[in-house]
Amino acid sequence: MKSILCLTGLLAACFPVFGQALCGVEDKVVFSCEIGHKNVSACLTPNASVNYLYGTKDKVELSLNSPVFSSAACSGGGISRLRFQNGNYSYIVYDVMCNAESIGEGQWSKTDYAGLIVLNSDKVIVNNDCTGFADGVLGVNSSLLPENVEREDFNYQIP
C-alpha cells in the first residue's frame, strides 16, 4: 500500500497540473479564461475543429463550433476576436493589448484585457471581462487557428 501511495505522489509531482481550460487532453488551448467561477475556452481539436466551451470542469453549459475570426491593429498591439454563432446569439471571446497613454518619453502604459461578449442579434446582453487566467493563456492564440477558420472584417461597433 505504501508503494502505491508513493507512486501516486511521484506521478502527481512529475506531471503538469492542468489549468482551468475546458479543452480535452489532446486539444490545444486557443483561448481560456475564468469569468467568476466559470470558464470560457476555445479549443483546437486534433481533427482541426475549433470549439467554444462555457461552464465548469464538472458541467459544460454550452458547446459551439465553427468560429469566425477577426482582428484589428492598434498602437503597440492588436485586438482579436473569435465569434461563435448559435441562432440569433453570438458568443465572442476577445483580447485587447494596445498602448494606453504616454508615461514618459517613448514609454507607454499598456491596456491588456480579455473577455466574453454575448449578443442577441446586435444587442449586447453580456460583456464580461476575464477575472483570471489559470492556464497562462492571455488572449486569442490566432497562430493555432487552422486556415479553414472563416475570417471577417473587424466590427468596431462591438464594445
Protein backbone atom coordinates (compact mmCIF):
# COMPACT_ATOMS: atom_id res chain seq x y z
CA MET A 1 0.00 0.00 0.00
CA LYS A 2 2.84 2.40 0.83
CA SER A 3 4.38 1.80 -2.61
CA ILE A 4 1.07 2.72 -4.34
CA LEU A 5 0.82 5.95 -2.33
CA CYS A 6 4.47 6.75 -3.07
CA LEU A 7 3.95 6.07 -6.81
CA THR A 8 0.82 8.23 -6.85
CA GLY A 9 2.69 11.09 -5.17
CA LEU A 10 5.59 10.74 -7.58
CA LEU A 11 3.29 10.81 -10.62
CA ALA A 12 1.49 13.88 -9.30
CA ALA A 13 4.80 15.68 -8.87
CA CYS A 14 6.11 14.75 -12.33
CA PHE A 15 3.09 15.58 -14.46
CA PRO A 16 1.96 19.16 -15.03
CA VAL A 17 -1.19 20.27 -13.32
CA PHE A 18 -3.87 21.04 -15.86
CA GLY A 19 -5.37 24.50 -15.63
CA GLN A 20 -8.97 25.53 -15.77
CA ALA A 21 -9.43 25.28 -19.56
CA LEU A 22 -12.34 23.10 -20.57
CA CYS A 23 -10.37 21.68 -23.52
CA GLY A 24 -9.73 17.97 -23.86
CA VAL A 25 -6.34 16.50 -23.04
CA GLU A 26 -5.33 16.29 -26.72
CA ASP A 27 -6.78 19.72 -27.62
CA LYS A 28 -4.73 22.90 -27.94
CA VAL A 29 -5.97 25.90 -25.99
CA VAL A 30 -6.73 28.79 -28.35
CA PHE A 31 -8.38 30.90 -25.62
CA SER A 32 -9.20 30.31 -21.98
CA CYS A 33 -10.09 32.47 -19.03
CA GLU A 34 -12.16 32.48 -15.90
CA ILE A 35 -15.19 34.72 -15.57
CA GLY A 36 -16.19 34.45 -11.94
CA HIS A 37 -16.49 30.75 -11.09
CA LYS A 38 -16.93 29.66 -14.73
CA ASN A 39 -14.52 29.20 -17.61
CA VAL A 40 -14.79 30.10 -21.27
CA SER A 41 -12.47 28.21 -23.62
CA ALA A 42 -11.83 27.93 -27.33
CA CYS A 43 -10.14 24.64 -28.13
CA LEU A 44 -8.47 23.29 -31.26
CA THR A 45 -9.24 19.57 -31.51
CA PRO A 46 -6.97 17.01 -33.20
CA ASN A 47 -9.36 16.99 -36.20
CA ALA A 48 -8.79 20.79 -36.69
CA SER A 49 -12.17 21.86 -35.33
CA VAL A 50 -12.31 24.89 -33.04
CA ASN A 51 -14.86 24.56 -30.23
CA TYR A 52 -16.30 27.08 -27.78
CA LEU A 53 -16.95 25.70 -24.29
CA TYR A 54 -18.51 27.54 -21.36
CA GLY A 55 -19.08 26.22 -17.86
CA THR A 56 -17.03 24.29 -15.34
CA LYS A 57 -14.94 21.13 -15.47
CA ASP A 58 -17.92 19.33 -13.91
CA LYS A 59 -20.53 20.73 -16.32
CA VAL A 60 -20.07 22.32 -19.73
CA GLU A 61 -23.17 24.50 -20.15
CA LEU A 62 -22.64 25.50 -23.78
CA SER A 63 -20.62 23.98 -26.61
CA LEU A 64 -20.38 25.53 -30.10
CA ASN A 65 -18.06 25.21 -33.07
CA SER A 66 -17.16 26.85 -36.40
CA PRO A 67 -15.93 30.27 -35.27
CA VAL A 68 -15.31 33.37 -37.34
CA PHE A 69 -12.07 35.25 -36.62
CA SER A 70 -11.45 38.99 -36.82
CA SER A 71 -8.62 41.24 -35.72
CA ALA A 72 -7.52 44.85 -35.83
CA ALA A 73 -4.25 46.62 -35.19
CA CYS A 74 -3.85 49.33 -32.58
CA SER A 75 -0.88 51.34 -31.37
CA GLY A 76 1.56 48.89 -29.85
CA GLY A 77 -0.57 45.78 -30.29
CA GLY A 78 -3.88 44.49 -31.52
CA ILE A 79 -7.38 43.23 -30.83
CA SER A 80 -8.51 39.68 -31.70
CA ARG A 81 -11.96 38.11 -31.64
CA LEU A 82 -13.43 34.67 -32.18
CA ARG A 83 -17.20 34.71 -32.79
CA PHE A 84 -19.32 31.59 -32.42
CA GLN A 85 -22.91 31.70 -33.70
CA ASN A 86 -25.94 29.97 -32.16
CA GLY A 87 -29.15 31.12 -33.84
CA ASN A 88 -29.56 34.85 -33.16
CA TYR A 89 -26.86 34.72 -30.47
CA SER A 90 -23.17 35.44 -31.00
CA TYR A 91 -20.61 34.42 -28.37
CA ILE A 92 -17.41 36.42 -28.82
CA VAL A 93 -14.17 35.76 -26.95
CA TYR A 94 -11.70 38.60 -27.35
CA ASP A 95 -8.46 40.15 -26.23
CA VAL A 96 -7.14 43.70 -26.34
CA MET A 97 -3.49 44.71 -25.97
CA CYS A 98 -2.76 48.28 -27.02
CA ASN A 99 -0.80 51.29 -25.85
CA ALA A 100 -2.98 53.27 -23.47
CA GLU A 101 -1.20 56.50 -22.61
CA SER A 102 2.23 58.07 -22.61
CA ILE A 103 4.02 57.62 -19.27
CA GLY A 104 7.32 59.20 -20.32
CA GLU A 105 9.48 59.89 -23.30
CA GLY A 106 8.97 56.95 -25.65
CA GLN A 107 7.22 54.90 -22.94
CA TRP A 108 3.60 53.84 -22.98
CA SER A 109 1.39 52.05 -20.50
CA LYS A 110 -0.41 49.03 -21.91
CA THR A 111 -4.06 48.24 -21.77
CA ASP A 112 -4.36 44.46 -21.70
CA TYR A 113 -7.60 42.60 -21.06
CA ALA A 114 -9.79 39.83 -22.44
CA GLY A 115 -13.35 38.69 -22.04
CA LEU A 116 -16.65 37.43 -23.39
CA ILE A 117 -19.38 39.36 -25.19
CA VAL A 118 -22.76 37.79 -25.91
CA LEU A 119 -25.01 39.41 -28.48
CA ASN A 120 -28.67 38.75 -29.27
CA SER A 121 -28.81 39.96 -32.88
CA ASP A 122 -26.97 43.29 -32.47
CA LYS A 123 -27.85 43.90 -28.81
CA VAL A 124 -25.13 43.31 -26.18
CA ILE A 125 -26.60 41.17 -23.39
CA VAL A 126 -23.34 40.14 -21.69
CA ASN A 127 -19.99 41.94 -21.61
CA ASN A 128 -17.72 40.32 -19.01
CA ASP A 129 -14.00 40.80 -18.57
CA CYS A 130 -11.89 37.80 -17.64
CA THR A 131 -11.20 37.58 -13.93
CA GLY A 132 -8.36 35.05 -14.15
CA PHE A 133 -6.05 33.19 -16.49
CA ALA A 134 -5.09 29.98 -14.68
CA ASP A 135 -3.76 28.41 -17.88
CA GLY A 136 -1.44 31.29 -18.70
CA VAL A 137 -3.32 31.89 -21.97
CA LEU A 138 -3.64 35.67 -22.18
CA GLY A 139 -5.76 36.09 -25.28
CA VAL A 140 -6.77 34.56 -28.58
CA ASN A 141 -3.84 32.48 -29.85
CA SER A 142 -4.59 33.10 -33.52
CA SER A 143 -1.43 31.25 -34.59
CA LEU A 144 -3.21 27.99 -33.67
CA LEU A 145 -6.25 28.67 -35.87
CA PRO A 146 -6.41 26.41 -38.92
CA GLU A 147 -6.63 28.00 -42.36
CA ASN A 148 -10.24 26.85 -42.77
CA VAL A 149 -11.45 29.18 -40.00
CA GLU A 150 -13.57 31.85 -41.65
CA ARG A 151 -12.34 35.45 -41.44
CA GLU A 152 -14.48 38.58 -41.27
CA ASP A 153 -13.89 42.30 -41.18
CA PHE A 154 -13.38 43.68 -37.69
CA ASN A 155 -16.57 45.28 -36.31
CA TYR A 156 -15.63 48.42 -34.42
CA GLN A 157 -19.23 48.81 -33.15
CA ILE A 158 -18.88 45.87 -30.73
CA PRO A 159 -17.57 47.12 -27.35
